[in-house]
């Protein structure tokens, strides 16, 4: 509150960025129904926490492939996923697995 008035602060996103974030809507609903933890990372990446690991997706299509394959033998073979390295005090880097490398 400021001077008796509620103050709200919103992100000022470009139209293109807002569309990229909105594209994840369907897969976020699917993950929610499955009870999988997820969140958006600025500017437009979806972070999914599954089996104690964080996965990052640049596109809704890659995230949807993950959601369809959740619970299969190996999440590492899903094109377009990012696997988080173990968090250490000095490093929170991620590795992007490109379809061409799989």
N, C-alpha and C. Protein backbone atom coordinates (compact mmCIF):
# COMPACT_ATOMS: atom_id res chain seq x y z
N UNK A 1 0.83 -1.18 0.00
CA UNK A 1 0.00 0.00 0.00
C UNK A 1 0.88 1.25 0.00
N UNK A 2 0.45 2.22 -0.73
CA UNK A 2 1.12 3.51 -0.74
C UNK A 2 0.06 4.59 -0.61
N UNK A 3 0.15 5.32 0.42
CA UNK A 3 -0.79 6.42 0.66
C UNK A 3 -2.23 5.94 0.59
N UNK A 4 -2.49 4.74 1.16
CA UNK A 4 -3.85 4.20 1.20
C UNK A 4 -4.32 3.55 -0.10
N UNK A 5 -3.46 3.47 -1.09
CA UNK A 5 -3.81 2.89 -2.38
C UNK A 5 -2.96 1.66 -2.65
N UNK A 6 -3.58 0.60 -3.15
CA UNK A 6 -2.83 -0.60 -3.51
C UNK A 6 -2.05 -0.34 -4.79
N UNK A 7 -0.76 -0.63 -4.76
CA UNK A 7 0.09 -0.44 -5.92
C UNK A 7 0.39 -1.81 -6.52
N UNK A 8 0.18 -1.95 -7.81
CA UNK A 8 0.47 -3.20 -8.51
C UNK A 8 1.50 -2.94 -9.59
N UNK A 9 2.46 -3.86 -9.70
CA UNK A 9 3.52 -3.72 -10.69
C UNK A 9 3.46 -4.91 -11.63
N UNK A 10 3.43 -4.65 -12.92
CA UNK A 10 3.35 -5.69 -13.94
C UNK A 10 4.56 -5.59 -14.86
N UNK A 11 4.93 -6.72 -15.45
CA UNK A 11 6.00 -6.71 -16.44
C UNK A 11 5.51 -6.00 -17.70
N UNK A 12 6.38 -5.23 -18.31
CA UNK A 12 6.07 -4.58 -19.57
C UNK A 12 6.70 -5.41 -20.68
N UNK A 13 5.91 -6.30 -21.28
CA UNK A 13 6.40 -7.22 -22.30
C UNK A 13 6.03 -6.72 -23.69
N UNK A 14 6.93 -6.97 -24.66
CA UNK A 14 6.59 -6.66 -26.03
C UNK A 14 5.52 -7.64 -26.50
N UNK A 15 4.84 -7.30 -27.56
CA UNK A 15 3.80 -8.18 -28.11
C UNK A 15 4.39 -9.53 -28.50
N UNK A 16 5.56 -9.52 -29.12
CA UNK A 16 6.19 -10.77 -29.54
C UNK A 16 6.55 -11.64 -28.35
N UNK A 17 7.07 -11.04 -27.31
CA UNK A 17 7.43 -11.79 -26.11
C UNK A 17 6.19 -12.33 -25.41
N UNK A 18 5.15 -11.53 -25.34
CA UNK A 18 3.90 -11.99 -24.72
C UNK A 18 3.34 -13.19 -25.48
N UNK A 19 3.42 -13.17 -26.81
CA UNK A 19 2.93 -14.30 -27.62
C UNK A 19 3.76 -15.55 -27.36
N UNK A 20 5.09 -15.38 -27.24
CA UNK A 20 5.95 -16.54 -26.97
C UNK A 20 5.60 -17.15 -25.62
N UNK A 21 5.32 -16.33 -24.62
CA UNK A 21 4.96 -16.84 -23.30
C UNK A 21 3.58 -17.49 -23.31
N UNK A 22 2.66 -16.89 -24.05
CA UNK A 22 1.29 -17.43 -24.15
C UNK A 22 1.27 -18.78 -24.84
N UNK A 23 2.21 -19.03 -25.75
CA UNK A 23 2.25 -20.30 -26.49
C UNK A 23 2.39 -21.50 -25.56
N UNK A 24 2.89 -21.30 -24.34
CA UNK A 24 3.07 -22.39 -23.39
C UNK A 24 1.79 -22.72 -22.62
N UNK A 25 0.71 -22.00 -22.86
CA UNK A 25 -0.52 -22.16 -22.08
C UNK A 25 -1.07 -23.58 -22.05
N UNK A 26 -1.15 -24.21 -23.19
CA UNK A 26 -1.73 -25.57 -23.26
C UNK A 26 -0.87 -26.57 -22.51
N UNK A 27 0.45 -26.50 -22.69
CA UNK A 27 1.32 -27.47 -22.01
C UNK A 27 1.35 -27.19 -20.51
N UNK A 28 1.24 -25.94 -20.10
CA UNK A 28 1.19 -25.65 -18.67
C UNK A 28 -0.07 -26.25 -18.05
N UNK A 29 -1.18 -26.20 -18.76
CA UNK A 29 -2.42 -26.81 -18.26
C UNK A 29 -2.25 -28.33 -18.12
N UNK A 30 -1.59 -28.95 -19.10
CA UNK A 30 -1.34 -30.39 -19.06
C UNK A 30 -0.46 -30.74 -17.87
N UNK A 31 0.62 -30.00 -17.68
CA UNK A 31 1.53 -30.25 -16.56
C UNK A 31 0.81 -30.06 -15.22
N UNK A 32 -0.03 -29.06 -15.14
CA UNK A 32 -0.79 -28.80 -13.91
C UNK A 32 -1.69 -29.99 -13.58
N UNK A 33 -2.39 -30.50 -14.61
CA UNK A 33 -3.28 -31.65 -14.40
C UNK A 33 -2.52 -32.89 -13.94
N UNK A 34 -1.26 -33.02 -14.41
CA UNK A 34 -0.44 -34.17 -14.02
C UNK A 34 0.27 -33.95 -12.69
N UNK A 35 0.13 -32.75 -12.12
CA UNK A 35 0.76 -32.46 -10.85
C UNK A 35 2.25 -32.21 -10.94
N UNK A 36 2.72 -31.82 -12.14
CA UNK A 36 4.14 -31.56 -12.35
C UNK A 36 4.41 -30.08 -12.06
N UNK A 37 5.46 -29.81 -11.32
CA UNK A 37 5.81 -28.43 -10.96
C UNK A 37 6.46 -27.73 -12.16
N UNK A 38 6.04 -26.48 -12.42
CA UNK A 38 6.57 -25.71 -13.55
C UNK A 38 6.50 -24.23 -13.26
N UNK A 39 7.19 -23.44 -14.06
CA UNK A 39 7.15 -21.98 -13.95
C UNK A 39 7.79 -21.35 -15.17
N UNK A 40 7.47 -20.10 -15.40
CA UNK A 40 8.06 -19.37 -16.52
C UNK A 40 9.32 -18.66 -16.06
N UNK A 41 10.34 -18.69 -16.92
CA UNK A 41 11.60 -18.00 -16.67
C UNK A 41 11.72 -16.91 -17.74
N UNK A 42 12.08 -15.72 -17.30
CA UNK A 42 12.20 -14.60 -18.23
C UNK A 42 13.33 -14.86 -19.21
N UNK A 43 13.18 -14.56 -20.50
CA UNK A 43 12.02 -13.89 -21.06
C UNK A 43 10.89 -14.85 -21.43
N UNK A 44 11.17 -15.98 -22.03
CA UNK A 44 10.08 -16.88 -22.45
C UNK A 44 10.56 -18.32 -22.47
N UNK A 45 10.90 -18.82 -21.29
CA UNK A 45 11.31 -20.23 -21.17
C UNK A 45 10.44 -20.87 -20.11
N UNK A 46 10.10 -22.13 -20.34
CA UNK A 46 9.33 -22.88 -19.37
C UNK A 46 10.27 -23.78 -18.59
N UNK A 47 10.24 -23.67 -17.27
CA UNK A 47 11.04 -24.56 -16.42
C UNK A 47 10.10 -25.60 -15.83
N UNK A 48 10.47 -26.87 -15.98
CA UNK A 48 9.69 -27.98 -15.46
C UNK A 48 10.58 -28.74 -14.48
N UNK A 49 10.08 -28.97 -13.27
CA UNK A 49 10.80 -29.77 -12.29
C UNK A 49 10.17 -31.15 -12.28
N UNK A 50 10.97 -32.15 -12.63
CA UNK A 50 10.46 -33.51 -12.76
C UNK A 50 11.51 -34.48 -12.21
N UNK A 51 11.11 -35.34 -11.31
CA UNK A 51 12.02 -36.30 -10.67
C UNK A 51 13.24 -35.62 -10.08
N UNK A 52 13.05 -34.46 -9.48
CA UNK A 52 14.14 -33.75 -8.83
C UNK A 52 15.08 -33.02 -9.76
N UNK A 53 14.78 -32.98 -11.05
CA UNK A 53 15.63 -32.29 -12.03
C UNK A 53 14.85 -31.16 -12.68
N UNK A 54 15.54 -30.09 -13.04
CA UNK A 54 14.92 -28.99 -13.76
C UNK A 54 15.19 -29.13 -15.25
N UNK A 55 14.14 -28.97 -16.05
CA UNK A 55 14.22 -29.00 -17.50
C UNK A 55 13.72 -27.66 -18.01
N UNK A 56 14.41 -27.10 -19.01
CA UNK A 56 14.05 -25.80 -19.56
C UNK A 56 13.69 -25.96 -21.03
N UNK A 57 12.62 -25.27 -21.45
CA UNK A 57 12.13 -25.38 -22.82
C UNK A 57 12.02 -24.00 -23.45
N UNK A 58 12.60 -23.88 -24.63
CA UNK A 58 12.54 -22.62 -25.39
C UNK A 58 11.26 -22.54 -26.22
N UNK A 59 10.67 -23.69 -26.56
CA UNK A 59 9.47 -23.72 -27.39
C UNK A 59 8.38 -24.57 -26.73
N UNK A 60 7.14 -24.21 -27.04
CA UNK A 60 6.01 -24.97 -26.52
C UNK A 60 6.01 -26.40 -27.08
N UNK A 61 6.47 -26.56 -28.32
CA UNK A 61 6.50 -27.89 -28.94
C UNK A 61 7.42 -28.83 -28.17
N UNK A 62 8.58 -28.36 -27.77
CA UNK A 62 9.52 -29.18 -27.01
C UNK A 62 8.92 -29.53 -25.64
N UNK A 63 8.26 -28.56 -25.02
CA UNK A 63 7.63 -28.81 -23.72
C UNK A 63 6.49 -29.81 -23.85
N UNK A 64 5.72 -29.73 -24.95
CA UNK A 64 4.64 -30.68 -25.17
C UNK A 64 5.17 -32.09 -25.38
N UNK A 65 6.29 -32.22 -26.08
CA UNK A 65 6.91 -33.54 -26.26
C UNK A 65 7.31 -34.11 -24.91
N UNK A 66 7.83 -33.27 -24.04
CA UNK A 66 8.20 -33.71 -22.69
C UNK A 66 6.97 -34.16 -21.92
N UNK A 67 5.91 -33.37 -21.98
CA UNK A 67 4.68 -33.70 -21.24
C UNK A 67 4.09 -35.02 -21.71
N UNK A 68 4.15 -35.28 -23.03
CA UNK A 68 3.64 -36.55 -23.56
C UNK A 68 4.50 -37.72 -23.12
N UNK A 69 5.80 -37.49 -23.03
CA UNK A 69 6.73 -38.58 -22.72
C UNK A 69 7.01 -38.71 -21.23
N UNK A 70 6.46 -37.84 -20.41
CA UNK A 70 6.73 -37.89 -18.97
C UNK A 70 6.47 -39.29 -18.44
N UNK A 71 7.42 -39.77 -17.67
CA UNK A 71 7.27 -41.10 -17.09
C UNK A 71 7.86 -42.19 -17.95
N UNK A 72 8.43 -41.84 -19.10
CA UNK A 72 9.05 -42.86 -19.94
C UNK A 72 10.47 -43.11 -19.46
N UNK A 73 11.16 -44.02 -20.11
CA UNK A 73 12.47 -44.48 -19.65
C UNK A 73 13.50 -43.37 -19.53
N UNK A 74 13.56 -42.45 -20.50
CA UNK A 74 14.63 -41.45 -20.44
C UNK A 74 14.15 -40.10 -20.95
N UNK A 75 14.10 -39.12 -20.07
CA UNK A 75 13.73 -37.76 -20.48
C UNK A 75 14.84 -37.10 -21.28
N UNK A 76 16.06 -37.60 -21.19
CA UNK A 76 17.18 -36.97 -21.87
C UNK A 76 17.08 -37.08 -23.38
N UNK A 77 16.24 -37.95 -23.90
CA UNK A 77 16.13 -38.12 -25.34
C UNK A 77 15.00 -37.31 -25.96
N UNK A 78 14.41 -36.42 -25.19
CA UNK A 78 13.33 -35.59 -25.71
C UNK A 78 13.96 -34.39 -26.39
N UNK A 79 13.73 -34.21 -27.71
CA UNK A 79 14.35 -33.10 -28.43
C UNK A 79 13.97 -31.75 -27.83
N UNK A 80 14.95 -30.86 -27.80
CA UNK A 80 14.69 -29.50 -27.38
C UNK A 80 14.66 -29.28 -25.89
N UNK A 81 15.09 -30.24 -25.08
CA UNK A 81 15.08 -30.03 -23.64
C UNK A 81 16.42 -29.50 -23.18
N UNK A 82 16.39 -28.84 -22.07
CA UNK A 82 17.62 -28.38 -21.44
C UNK A 82 17.73 -29.14 -20.13
N UNK A 83 18.85 -29.77 -19.87
CA UNK A 83 19.06 -30.47 -18.62
C UNK A 83 19.92 -29.61 -17.72
N UNK A 84 19.48 -29.43 -16.49
CA UNK A 84 20.25 -28.62 -15.56
C UNK A 84 21.40 -29.43 -15.00
N UNK A 85 22.56 -28.79 -14.91
CA UNK A 85 23.68 -29.41 -14.22
C UNK A 85 23.39 -29.34 -12.72
N UNK A 86 24.00 -30.20 -11.93
CA UNK A 86 23.77 -30.11 -10.49
C UNK A 86 24.14 -28.72 -9.98
N UNK A 87 23.28 -28.17 -9.15
CA UNK A 87 23.54 -26.83 -8.63
C UNK A 87 24.70 -26.88 -7.63
N UNK A 88 25.63 -25.99 -7.81
CA UNK A 88 26.76 -25.85 -6.90
C UNK A 88 26.83 -24.38 -6.51
N UNK A 89 27.58 -24.06 -5.47
CA UNK A 89 27.67 -22.65 -5.10
C UNK A 89 28.23 -21.77 -6.22
N UNK A 90 28.96 -22.36 -7.17
CA UNK A 90 29.58 -21.55 -8.21
C UNK A 90 28.93 -21.71 -9.58
N UNK A 91 27.99 -22.67 -9.74
CA UNK A 91 27.49 -22.92 -11.09
C UNK A 91 26.03 -23.35 -11.11
N UNK A 92 25.24 -22.71 -11.98
CA UNK A 92 23.86 -23.12 -12.25
C UNK A 92 23.66 -23.15 -13.76
N UNK A 93 24.69 -23.58 -14.47
CA UNK A 93 24.65 -23.59 -15.92
C UNK A 93 23.74 -24.71 -16.42
N UNK A 94 23.28 -24.56 -17.64
CA UNK A 94 22.47 -25.60 -18.28
C UNK A 94 23.06 -25.95 -19.63
N UNK A 95 22.74 -27.13 -20.09
CA UNK A 95 23.19 -27.61 -21.41
C UNK A 95 21.96 -27.81 -22.27
N UNK A 96 21.97 -27.23 -23.45
CA UNK A 96 20.83 -27.39 -24.35
C UNK A 96 21.11 -28.56 -25.29
N UNK A 97 20.19 -29.50 -25.31
CA UNK A 97 20.33 -30.66 -26.18
C UNK A 97 19.56 -30.38 -27.46
N UNK A 98 20.26 -30.15 -28.54
CA UNK A 98 19.60 -29.85 -29.81
C UNK A 98 19.22 -31.13 -30.52
N UNK A 99 18.14 -31.07 -31.27
CA UNK A 99 17.66 -32.24 -32.00
C UNK A 99 18.75 -32.83 -32.89
N UNK A 100 19.57 -31.99 -33.45
CA UNK A 100 20.61 -32.48 -34.36
C UNK A 100 21.69 -33.27 -33.65
N UNK A 101 21.81 -33.06 -32.31
CA UNK A 101 22.83 -33.78 -31.57
C UNK A 101 22.36 -35.10 -31.02
N UNK A 102 21.06 -35.31 -31.01
CA UNK A 102 20.51 -36.54 -30.43
C UNK A 102 20.57 -37.70 -31.39
